Amino acid sequence: MSRLTAEQKIQPHWWRKTLIGVVLGLSFAYSIIAIFAWYGPGGIDAPVKVQLNMWLVGLIWLLCLPFVYLFKTAGQAFKYLLIANMVGYAVFFALRTWA
């Protein structure tokens, strides 16, 4: 059994990973909820959708936050969450222009 090198180990960039998870995780949660709120069942005017959206933001955000620590470096976490944000908002704005 061989030991892992420093590049293969998960790096403990705790503060940077936490900040990335808080900021980009919340932004990603907003993009997913925006898609659901506008294009989910009942559209934006559904009567109980406001409360559901409010609770789903926290749920999605709290799912993103712990998984950010599984990236090897803070740079990887930033890169992949930034890509996820760009895809989420691109889908939202694409649906807005096509609808």
PDB file of N, CA and C in Angstrom:
ATOM      1  N   MET A   1       0.838  -1.158   0.000  1.00  0.00           N
ATOM      2  CA  MET A   1       0.000   0.000   0.000  1.00  0.00           C
ATOM      3  C   MET A   1       0.897   1.240   0.000  1.00  0.00           C
ATOM      4  N   SER A   2       0.677   2.110  -0.950  1.00  0.00           N
ATOM      5  CA  SER A   2       1.507   3.304  -1.052  1.00  0.00           C
ATOM      6  C   SER A   2       0.806   4.489  -0.409  1.00  0.00           C
ATOM      7  N   ARG A   3       1.599   5.413   0.057  1.00  0.00           N
ATOM      8  CA  ARG A   3       1.061   6.615   0.680  1.00  0.00           C
ATOM      9  C   ARG A   3       0.686   7.624  -0.400  1.00  0.00           C
ATOM     10  N   LEU A   4      -0.294   8.445  -0.113  1.00  0.00           N
ATOM     11  CA  LEU A   4      -0.706   9.476  -1.052  1.00  0.00           C
ATOM     12  C   LEU A   4       0.282  10.639  -1.019  1.00  0.00           C
ATOM     13  N   THR A   5       0.508  11.210  -2.173  1.00  0.00           N
ATOM     14  CA  THR A   5       1.353  12.396  -2.216  1.00  0.00           C
ATOM     15  C   THR A   5       0.539  13.610  -1.771  1.00  0.00           C
ATOM     16  N   ALA A   6       1.192  14.728  -1.603  1.00  0.00           N
ATOM     17  CA  ALA A   6       0.508  15.942  -1.146  1.00  0.00           C
ATOM     18  C   ALA A   6      -0.534  16.410  -2.153  1.00  0.00           C
ATOM     19  N   GLU A   7      -0.300  16.185  -3.443  1.00  0.00           N
ATOM     20  CA  GLU A   7      -1.262  16.609  -4.463  1.00  0.00           C
ATOM     21  C   GLU A   7      -2.480  15.705  -4.523  1.00  0.00           C
ATOM     22  N   GLN A   8      -2.360  14.457  -4.060  1.00  0.00           N
ATOM     23  CA  GLN A   8      -3.474  13.525  -4.099  1.00  0.00           C
ATOM     24  C   GLN A   8      -4.388  13.652  -2.893  1.00  0.00           C
ATOM     25  N   LYS A   9      -3.900  14.224  -1.821  1.00  0.00           N
ATOM     26  CA  LYS A   9      -4.709  14.367  -0.608  1.00  0.00           C
ATOM     27  C   LYS A   9      -5.672  15.541  -0.733  1.00  0.00           C
ATOM     28  N   ILE A  10      -6.760  15.451   0.020  1.00  0.00           N
ATOM     29  CA  ILE A  10      -7.680  16.575   0.107  1.00  0.00           C
ATOM     30  C   ILE A  10      -7.021  17.631   0.971  1.00  0.00           C
ATOM     31  N   GLN A  11      -6.865  18.817   0.429  1.00  0.00           N
ATOM     32  CA  GLN A  11      -6.172  19.896   1.137  1.00  0.00           C
ATOM     33  C   GLN A  11      -7.119  20.590   2.113  1.00  0.00           C
ATOM     34  N   PRO A  12      -6.654  20.904   3.302  1.00  0.00           N
ATOM     35  CA  PRO A  12      -7.533  21.521   4.312  1.00  0.00           C
ATOM     36  C   PRO A  12      -7.628  23.045   4.188  1.00  0.00           C
ATOM     37  N   HIS A  13      -8.125  23.504   3.092  1.00  0.00           N
ATOM     38  CA  HIS A  13      -8.331  24.943   2.904  1.00  0.00           C
ATOM     39  C   HIS A  13      -9.694  25.304   3.494  1.00  0.00           C
ATOM     40  N   TRP A  14      -9.821  25.192   4.799  1.00  0.00           N
ATOM     41  CA  TRP A  14     -11.130  25.289   5.443  1.00  0.00           C
ATOM     42  C   TRP A  14     -11.797  26.635   5.234  1.00  0.00           C
ATOM     43  N   TRP A  15     -11.076  27.705   5.471  1.00  0.00           N
ATOM     44  CA  TRP A  15     -11.695  29.025   5.360  1.00  0.00           C
ATOM     45  C   TRP A  15     -12.100  29.336   3.932  1.00  0.00           C
ATOM     46  N   ARG A  16     -11.228  29.019   3.006  1.00  0.00           N
ATOM     47  CA  ARG A  16     -11.550  29.308   1.595  1.00  0.00           C
ATOM     48  C   ARG A  16     -12.701  28.433   1.111  1.00  0.00           C
ATOM     49  N   LYS A  17     -12.685  27.142   1.468  1.00  0.00           N
ATOM     50  CA  LYS A  17     -13.768  26.254   1.045  1.00  0.00           C
ATOM     51  C   LYS A  17     -15.095  26.660   1.681  1.00  0.00           C
ATOM     52  N   THR A  18     -15.050  27.090   2.927  1.00  0.00           N
ATOM     53  CA  THR A  18     -16.277  27.531   3.592  1.00  0.00           C
ATOM     54  C   THR A  18     -16.839  28.772   2.907  1.00  0.00           C
ATOM     55  N   LEU A  19     -15.993  29.737   2.605  1.00  0.00           N
ATOM     56  CA  LEU A  19     -16.442  30.953   1.934  1.00  0.00           C
ATOM     57  C   LEU A  19     -17.008  30.635   0.546  1.00  0.00           C
ATOM     58  N   ILE A  20     -16.344  29.752  -0.166  1.00  0.00           N
ATOM     59  CA  ILE A  20     -16.831  29.356  -1.490  1.00  0.00           C
ATOM     60  C   ILE A  20     -18.181  28.656  -1.374  1.00  0.00           C
ATOM     61  N   GLY A  21     -18.311  27.768  -0.404  1.00  0.00           N
ATOM     62  CA  GLY A  21     -19.577  27.067  -0.213  1.00  0.00           C
ATOM     63  C   GLY A  21     -20.708  27.992   0.185  1.00  0.00           C
ATOM     64  N   VAL A  22     -20.398  28.978   1.010  1.00  0.00           N
ATOM     65  CA  VAL A  22     -21.430  29.915   1.454  1.00  0.00           C
ATOM     66  C   VAL A  22     -21.881  30.800   0.297  1.00  0.00           C
ATOM     67  N   VAL A  23     -20.945  31.400  -0.397  1.00  0.00           N
ATOM     68  CA  VAL A  23     -21.297  32.371  -1.441  1.00  0.00           C
ATOM     69  C   VAL A  23     -21.793  31.675  -2.705  1.00  0.00           C
ATOM     70  N   LEU A  24     -20.984  30.796  -3.261  1.00  0.00           N
ATOM     71  CA  LEU A  24     -21.377  30.159  -4.521  1.00  0.00           C
ATOM     72  C   LEU A  24     -22.453  29.093  -4.320  1.00  0.00           C
ATOM     73  N   GLY A  25     -22.479  28.467  -3.151  1.00  0.00           N
ATOM     74  CA  GLY A  25     -23.545  27.512  -2.865  1.00  0.00           C
ATOM     75  C   GLY A  25     -24.902  28.192  -2.788  1.00  0.00           C
ATOM     76  N   LEU A  26     -24.942  29.360  -2.139  1.00  0.00           N
ATOM     77  CA  LEU A  26     -26.197  30.111  -2.061  1.00  0.00           C
ATOM     78  C   LEU A  26     -26.615  30.615  -3.439  1.00  0.00           C
ATOM     79  N   SER A  27     -25.667  31.080  -4.210  1.00  0.00           N
ATOM     80  CA  SER A  27     -25.973  31.541  -5.562  1.00  0.00           C
ATOM     81  C   SER A  27     -26.506  30.399  -6.425  1.00  0.00           C
ATOM     82  N   PHE A  28     -25.917  29.226  -6.281  1.00  0.00           N
ATOM     83  CA  PHE A  28     -26.392  28.059  -7.032  1.00  0.00           C
ATOM     84  C   PHE A  28     -27.802  27.666  -6.585  1.00  0.00           C
ATOM     85  N   ALA A  29     -28.056  27.717  -5.293  1.00  0.00           N
ATOM     86  CA  ALA A  29     -29.396  27.401  -4.789  1.00  0.00           C
ATOM     87  C   ALA A  29     -30.425  28.378  -5.358  1.00  0.00           C
ATOM     88  N   TYR A  30     -30.057  29.657  -5.424  1.00  0.00           N
ATOM     89  CA  TYR A  30     -30.970  30.646  -6.015  1.00  0.00           C
ATOM     90  C   TYR A  30     -31.250  30.347  -7.490  1.00  0.00           C
ATOM     91  N   SER A  31     -30.249  29.904  -8.224  1.00  0.00           N
ATOM     92  CA  SER A  31     -30.483  29.611  -9.642  1.00  0.00           C
ATOM     93  C   SER A  31     -31.435  28.431  -9.812  1.00  0.00           C
ATOM     94  N   ILE A  32     -31.270  27.405  -9.000  1.00  0.00           N
ATOM     95  CA  ILE A  32     -32.159  26.239  -9.091  1.00  0.00           C
ATOM     96  C   ILE A  32     -33.582  26.623  -8.687  1.00  0.00           C
ATOM     97  N   ILE A  33     -33.714  27.396  -7.629  1.00  0.00           N
ATOM     98  CA  ILE A  33     -35.040  27.811  -7.188  1.00  0.00           C
ATOM     99  C   ILE A  33     -35.684  28.765  -8.186  1.00  0.00           C
ATOM    100  N   ALA A  34     -34.904  29.598  -8.852  1.00  0.00           N
ATOM    101  CA  ALA A  34     -35.466  30.491  -9.872  1.00  0.00           C
ATOM    102  C   ALA A  34     -36.080  29.685 -11.007  1.00  0.00           C
ATOM    103  N   ILE A  35     -35.396  28.638 -11.422  1.00  0.00           N
ATOM    104  CA  ILE A  35     -35.939  27.780 -12.481  1.00  0.00           C
ATOM    105  C   ILE A  35     -37.232  27.122 -12.010  1.00  0.00           C
ATOM    106  N   PHE A  36     -37.199  26.583 -10.781  1.00  0.00           N
ATOM    107  CA  PHE A  36     -38.396  25.927 -10.254  1.00  0.00           C
ATOM    108  C   PHE A  36     -39.543  26.907 -10.057  1.00  0.00           C
ATOM    109  N   ALA A  37     -39.242  28.095  -9.543  1.00  0.00           N
ATOM    110  CA  ALA A  37     -40.303  29.067  -9.250  1.00  0.00           C
ATOM    111  C   ALA A  37     -40.997  29.532 -10.523  1.00  0.00           C
ATOM    112  N   TRP A  38     -40.234  29.812 -11.557  1.00  0.00           N
ATOM    113  CA  TRP A  38     -40.834  30.341 -12.775  1.00  0.00           C
ATOM    114  C   TRP A  38     -41.430  29.262 -13.672  1.00  0.00           C
ATOM    115  N   TYR A  39     -40.833  28.090 -13.698  1.00  0.00           N
ATOM    116  CA  TYR A  39     -41.252  27.080 -14.681  1.00  0.00           C
ATOM    117  C   TYR A  39     -41.768  25.808 -14.052  1.00  0.00           C
ATOM    118  N   GLY A  40     -41.896  25.754 -12.737  1.00  0.00           N
ATOM    119  CA  GLY A  40     -42.456  24.601 -12.054  1.00  0.00           C
ATOM    120  C   GLY A  40     -43.972  24.607 -12.141  1.00  0.00           C
ATOM    121  N   PRO A  41     -44.611  23.682 -11.448  1.00  0.00           N
ATOM    122  CA  PRO A  41     -46.072  23.606 -11.491  1.00  0.00           C
ATOM    123  C   PRO A  41     -46.736  24.883 -10.982  1.00  0.00           C
ATOM    124  N   GLY A  42     -47.654  25.412 -11.755  1.00  0.00           N
ATOM    125  CA  GLY A  42     -48.385  26.611 -11.368  1.00  0.00           C
ATOM    126  C   GLY A  42     -47.711  27.910 -11.730  1.00  0.00           C
ATOM    127  N   GLY A  43     -46.473  27.869 -12.198  1.00  0.00           N
ATOM    128  CA  GLY A  43     -45.770  29.089 -12.559  1.00  0.00           C
ATOM    129  C   GLY A  43     -45.428  29.928 -11.340  1.00  0.00           C
ATOM    130  N   ILE A  44     -45.126  31.184 -11.588  1.00  0.00           N
ATOM    131  CA  ILE A  44     -44.700  32.068 -10.511  1.00  0.00           C
ATOM    132  C   ILE A  44     -45.865  32.484  -9.615  1.00  0.00           C
ATOM    133  N   ASP A  45     -47.098  32.349 -10.082  1.00  0.00           N
ATOM    134  CA  ASP A  45     -48.262  32.811  -9.328  1.00  0.00           C
ATOM    135  C   ASP A  45     -48.939  31.722  -8.512  1.00  0.00           C
ATOM    136  N   ALA A  46     -48.310  30.580  -8.322  1.00  0.00           N
ATOM    137  CA  ALA A  46     -48.908  29.522  -7.505  1.00  0.00           C
ATOM    138  C   ALA A  46     -49.014  30.001  -6.056  1.00  0.00           C
ATOM    139  N   PRO A  47     -50.121  29.703  -5.388  1.00  0.00           N
ATOM    140  CA  PRO A  47     -50.360  30.313  -4.068  1.00  0.00           C
ATOM    141  C   PRO A  47     -49.387  29.890  -2.960  1.00  0.00           C
ATOM    142  N   VAL A  48     -49.016  28.647  -2.877  1.00  0.00           N
ATOM    143  CA  VAL A  48     -48.140  28.218  -1.782  1.00  0.00           C
ATOM    144  C   VAL A  48     -46.693  28.041  -2.218  1.00  0.00           C
ATOM    145  N   LYS A  49     -46.396  28.446  -3.395  1.00  0.00           N
ATOM    146  CA  LYS A  49     -45.046  28.248  -3.917  1.00  0.00           C
ATOM    147  C   LYS A  49     -44.014  29.141  -3.240  1.00  0.00           C
ATOM    148  N   VAL A  50     -44.402  30.285  -2.745  1.00  0.00           N
ATOM    149  CA  VAL A  50     -43.462  31.201  -2.108  1.00  0.00           C
ATOM    150  C   VAL A  50     -42.840  30.546  -0.875  1.00  0.00           C
ATOM    151  N   GLN A  51     -43.666  29.946  -0.053  1.00  0.00           N
ATOM    152  CA  GLN A  51     -43.176  29.296   1.158  1.00  0.00           C
ATOM    153  C   GLN A  51     -42.301  28.089   0.807  1.00  0.00           C
ATOM    154  N   LEU A  52     -42.710  27.316  -0.169  1.00  0.00           N
ATOM    155  CA  LEU A  52     -41.925  26.156  -0.587  1.00  0.00           C
ATOM    156  C   LEU A  52     -40.566  26.583  -1.127  1.00  0.00           C
ATOM    157  N   ASN A  53     -40.553  27.622  -1.944  1.00  0.00           N
ATOM    158  CA  ASN A  53     -39.283  28.111  -2.491  1.00  0.00           C
ATOM    159  C   ASN A  53     -38.353  28.588  -1.385  1.00  0.00           C
ATOM    160  N   MET A  54     -38.904  29.253  -0.400  1.00  0.00           N
ATOM    161  CA  MET A  54     -38.088  29.748   0.703  1.00  0.00           C
ATOM    162  C   MET A  54     -37.409  28.592   1.431  1.00  0.00           C
ATOM    163  N   TRP A  55     -38.118  27.522   1.672  1.00  0.00           N
ATOM    164  CA  TRP A  55     -37.531  26.388   2.376  1.00  0.00           C
ATOM    165  C   TRP A  55     -36.588  25.594   1.485  1.00  0.00           C
ATOM    166  N   LEU A  56     -36.858  25.533   0.198  1.00  0.00           N
ATOM    167  CA  LEU A  56     -35.980  24.781  -0.703  1.00  0.00           C
ATOM    168  C   LEU A  56     -34.628  25.460  -0.900  1.00  0.00           C
ATOM    169  N   VAL A  57     -34.580  26.781  -0.825  1.00  0.00           N
ATOM    170  CA  VAL A  57     -33.294  27.482  -0.933  1.00  0.00           C
ATOM    171  C   VAL A  57     -32.352  27.005   0.161  1.00  0.00           C
ATOM    172  N   GLY A  58     -32.838  26.974   1.383  1.00  0.00           N
ATOM    173  CA  GLY A  58     -32.011  26.521   2.497  1.00  0.00           C
ATOM    174  C   GLY A  58     -31.600  25.072   2.361  1.00  0.00           C
ATOM    175  N   LEU A  59     -32.499  24.238   1.887  1.00  0.00           N
ATOM    176  CA  LEU A  59     -32.184  22.819   1.721  1.00  0.00           C
ATOM    177  C   LEU A  59     -31.087  22.606   0.682  1.00  0.00           C
ATOM    178  N   ILE A  60     -31.223  23.245  -0.458  1.00  0.00           N
ATOM    179  CA  ILE A  60     -30.210  23.094  -1.515  1.00  0.00           C
ATOM    180  C   ILE A  60     -28.883  23.701  -1.068  1.00  0.00           C
ATOM    181  N   TRP A  61     -28.941  24.833  -0.414  1.00  0.00           N
ATOM    182  CA  TRP A  61     -27.718  25.486   0.067  1.00  0.00           C
ATOM    183  C   TRP A  61     -27.003  24.607   1.088  1.00  0.00           C
ATOM    184  N   LEU A  62     -27.763  24.025   1.995  1.00  0.00           N
ATOM    185  CA  LEU A  62     -27.146  23.173   3.007  1.00  0.00           C
ATOM    186  C   LEU A  62     -26.688  21.834   2.443  1.00  0.00           C
ATOM    187  N   LEU A  63     -27.135  21.464   1.280  1.00  0.00           N
ATOM    188  CA  LEU A  63     -26.577  20.286   0.603  1.00  0.00           C
ATOM    189  C   LEU A  63     -25.274  20.631  -0.107  1.00  0.00           C
ATOM    190  N   CYS A  64     -25.171  21.846  -0.616  1.00  0.00           N
ATOM    191  CA  CYS A  64     -23.935  22.279  -1.290  1.00  0.00           C
ATOM    192  C   CYS A  64     -22.804  22.515  -0.299  1.00  0.00           C
ATOM    193  N   LEU A  65     -23.122  23.060   0.848  1.00  0.00           N
ATOM    194  CA  LEU A  65     -22.087  23.476   1.801  1.00  0.00           C
ATOM    195  C   LEU A  65     -21.203  22.335   2.288  1.00  0.00           C
ATOM    196  N   PRO A  66     -21.716  21.190   2.720  1.00  0.00           N
ATOM    197  CA  PRO A  66     -20.783  20.155   3.182  1.00  0.00           C
ATOM    198  C   PRO A  66     -20.018  19.479   2.050  1.00  0.00           C
ATOM    199  N   PHE A  67     -20.595  19.428   0.864  1.00  0.00           N
ATOM    200  CA  PHE A  67     -19.914  18.749  -0.239  1.00  0.00           C
ATOM    201  C   PHE A  67     -18.734  19.539  -0.783  1.00  0.00           C
ATOM    202  N   VAL A  68     -18.648  20.823  -0.447  1.00  0.00           N
ATOM    203  CA  VAL A  68     -17.527  21.627  -0.912  1.00  0.00           C
ATOM    204  C   VAL A  68     -16.216  21.142  -0.287  1.00  0.00           C
ATOM    205  N   TYR A  69     -16.290  20.487   0.861  1.00  0.00           N
ATOM    206  CA  TYR A  69     -15.079  19.997   1.523  1.00  0.00           C
ATOM    207  C   TYR A  69     -14.531  18.726   0.876  1.00  0.00           C
ATOM    208  N   LEU A  70     -15.261  18.129  -0.035  1.00  0.00           N
ATOM    209  CA  LEU A  70     -14.786  16.926  -0.715  1.00  0.00           C
ATOM    210  C   LEU A  70     -13.896  17.238  -1.911  1.00  0.00           C
ATOM    211  N   PHE A  71     -13.825  18.500  -2.319  1.00  0.00           N
ATOM    212  CA  PHE A  71     -12.902  18.879  -3.381  1.00  0.00           C
ATOM    213  C   PHE A  71     -11.484  18.870  -2.829  1.00  0.00           C
ATOM    214  N   LYS A  72     -10.536  18.553  -3.679  1.00  0.00           N
ATOM    215  CA  LYS A  72      -9.146  18.467  -3.208  1.00  0.00           C
ATOM    216  C   LYS A  72      -8.591  19.814  -2.792  1.00  0.00           C
ATOM    217  N   THR A  73      -8.894  20.844  -3.550  1.00  0.00           N
ATOM    218  CA  THR A  73      -8.388  22.183  -3.227  1.00  0.00           C
ATOM    219  C   THR A  73      -9.542  23.184  -3.292  1.00  0.00           C
ATOM    220  N   ALA A  74      -9.300  24.348  -2.730  1.00  0.00           N
ATOM    221  CA  ALA A  74     -10.297  25.417  -2.796  1.00  0.00           C
ATOM    222  C   ALA A  74     -10.461  25.896  -4.234  1.00  0.00           C
ATOM    223  N   GLY A  75      -9.395  25.845  -5.005  1.00  0.00           N
ATOM    224  CA  GLY A  75      -9.479  26.246  -6.411  1.00  0.00           C
ATOM    225  C   GLY A  75     -10.413  25.358  -7.203  1.00  0.00           C
ATOM    226  N   GLN A  76     -10.346  24.058  -6.955  1.00  0.00           N
ATOM    227  CA  GLN A  76     -11.265  23.144  -7.640  1.00  0.00           C
ATOM    228  C   GLN A  76     -12.704  23.410  -7.217  1.00  0.00           C
ATOM    229  N   ALA A  77     -12.919  23.628  -5.934  1.00  0.00           N
ATOM    230  CA  ALA A  77     -14.270  23.918  -5.443  1.00  0.00           C
ATOM    231  C   ALA A  77     -14.812  25.179  -6.104  1.00  0.00           C
ATOM    232  N   PHE A  78     -13.975  26.211  -6.180  1.00  0.00           N
ATOM    233  CA  PHE A  78     -14.392  27.461  -6.806  1.00  0.00           C
ATOM    234  C   PHE A  78     -14.724  27.247  -8.276  1.00  0.00           C
ATOM    235  N   LYS A  79     -13.862  26.529  -8.978  1.00  0.00           N
ATOM    236  CA  LYS A  79     -14.056  26.311 -10.413  1.00  0.00           C
ATOM    237  C   LYS A  79     -15.355  25.551 -10.685  1.00  0.00           C
ATOM    238  N   TYR A  80     -15.587  24.455  -9.970  1.00  0.00           N
ATOM    239  CA  TYR A  80     -16.757  23.637 -10.258  1.00  0.00           C
ATOM    240  C   TYR A  80     -18.055  24.300  -9.797  1.00  0.00           C
ATOM    241  N   LEU A  81     -18.037  25.006  -8.688  1.00  0.00           N
ATOM    242  CA  LEU A  81     -19.247  25.706  -8.272  1.00  0.00           C
ATOM    243  C   LEU A  81     -19.531  26.918  -9.164  1.00  0.00           C
ATOM    244  N   LEU A  82     -18.492  27.555  -9.660  1.00  0.00           N
ATOM    245  CA  LEU A  82     -18.694  28.656 -10.595  1.00  0.00           C
ATOM    246  C   LEU A  82     -19.296  28.144 -11.908  1.00  0.00           C
ATOM    247  N   ILE A  83     -18.818  27.010 -12.375  1.00  0.00           N
ATOM    248  CA  ILE A  83     -19.390  26.401 -13.589  1.00  0.00           C
ATOM    249  C   ILE A  83     -20.841  26.007 -13.348  1.00  0.00           C
ATOM    250  N   ALA A  84     -21.138  25.424 -12.185  1.00  0.00           N
ATOM    251  CA  ALA A  84     -22.518  25.051 -11.861  1.00  0.00           C
ATOM    252  C   ALA A  84     -23.419  26.279 -11.827  1.00  0.00           C
ATOM    253  N   ASN A  85     -22.910  27.384 -11.275  1.00  0.00           N
ATOM    254  CA  ASN A  85     -23.677  28.635 -11.258  1.00  0.00           C
ATOM    255  C   ASN A  85     -23.927  29.151 -12.662  1.00  0.00           C
ATOM    256  N   MET A  86     -22.893  29.139 -13.488  1.00  0.00           N
ATOM    257  CA  MET A  86     -23.058  29.631 -14.855  1.00  0.00           C
ATOM    258  C   MET A  86     -24.069  28.783 -15.622  1.00  0.00           C
ATOM    259  N   VAL A  87     -24.030  27.481 -15.449  1.00  0.00           N
ATOM    260  CA  VAL A  87     -24.992  26.603 -16.126  1.00  0.00           C
ATOM    261  C   VAL A  87     -26.404  26.859 -15.596  1.00  0.00           C
ATOM    262  N   GLY A  88     -26.548  26.971 -14.279  1.00  0.00           N
ATOM    263  CA  GLY A  88     -27.869  27.210 -13.698  1.00  0.00           C
ATOM    264  C   GLY A  88     -28.490  28.502 -14.178  1.00  0.00           C
ATOM    265  N   TYR A  89     -27.725  29.577 -14.152  1.00  0.00           N
ATOM    266  CA  TYR A  89     -28.266  30.854 -14.606  1.00  0.00           C
ATOM    267  C   TYR A  89     -28.427  30.907 -16.121  1.00  0.00           C
ATOM    268  N   ALA A  90     -27.573  30.213 -16.862  1.00  0.00           N
ATOM    269  CA  ALA A  90     -27.742  30.157 -18.317  1.00  0.00           C
ATOM    270  C   ALA A  90     -29.038  29.443 -18.684  1.00  0.00           C
ATOM    271  N   VAL A  91     -29.337  28.357 -17.982  1.00  0.00           N
ATOM    272  CA  VAL A  91     -30.595  27.648 -18.228  1.00  0.00           C
ATOM    273  C   VAL A  91     -31.773  28.548 -17.878  1.00  0.00           C
ATOM    274  N   PHE A  92     -31.692  29.227 -16.752  1.00  0.00           N
ATOM    275  CA  PHE A  92     -32.789  30.119 -16.350  1.00  0.00           C
ATOM    276  C   PHE A  92     -33.027  31.212 -17.376  1.00  0.00           C
ATOM    277  N   PHE A  93     -31.962  31.893 -17.799  1.00  0.00           N
ATOM    278  CA  PHE A  93     -32.139  32.991 -18.759  1.00  0.00           C
ATOM    279  C   PHE A  93     -32.499  32.483 -20.156  1.00  0.00           C
ATOM    280  N   ALA A  94     -32.036  31.302 -20.504  1.00  0.00           N
ATOM    281  CA  ALA A  94     -32.448  30.716 -21.788  1.00  0.00           C
ATOM    282  C   ALA A  94     -33.928  30.396 -21.775  1.00  0.00           C
ATOM    283  N   LEU A  95     -34.418  29.843 -20.682  1.00  0.00           N
ATOM    284  CA  LEU A  95     -35.842  29.579 -20.589  1.00  0.00           C
ATOM    285  C   LEU A  95     -36.674  30.854 -20.580  1.00  0.00           C
ATOM    286  N   ARG A  96     -36.128  31.911 -19.972  1.00  0.00           N
ATOM    287  CA  ARG A  96     -36.847  33.195 -19.962  1.00  0.00           C
ATOM    288  C   ARG A  96     -36.974  33.773 -21.359  1.00  0.00           C
ATOM    289  N   THR A  97     -35.939  33.626 -22.190  1.00  0.00           N
ATOM    290  CA  THR A  97     -36.013  34.192 -23.531  1.00  0.00           C
ATOM    291  C   THR A  97     -36.852  33.340 -24.460  1.00  0.00           C
ATOM    292  N   TRP A  98     -36.898  32.023 -24.236  1.00  0.00           N
ATOM    293  CA  TRP A  98     -37.684  31.152 -25.109  1.00  0.00           C
ATOM    294  C   TRP A  98     -39.142  31.064 -24.713  1.00  0.00           C
ATOM    295  N   ALA A  99     -39.465  31.439 -23.486  1.00  0.00           N
ATOM    296  CA  ALA A  99     -40.862  31.298 -23.044  1.00  0.00           C
ATOM    297  C   ALA A  99     -41.705  32.475 -23.479  1.00  0.00           C
TER     298      ALA A  99
END
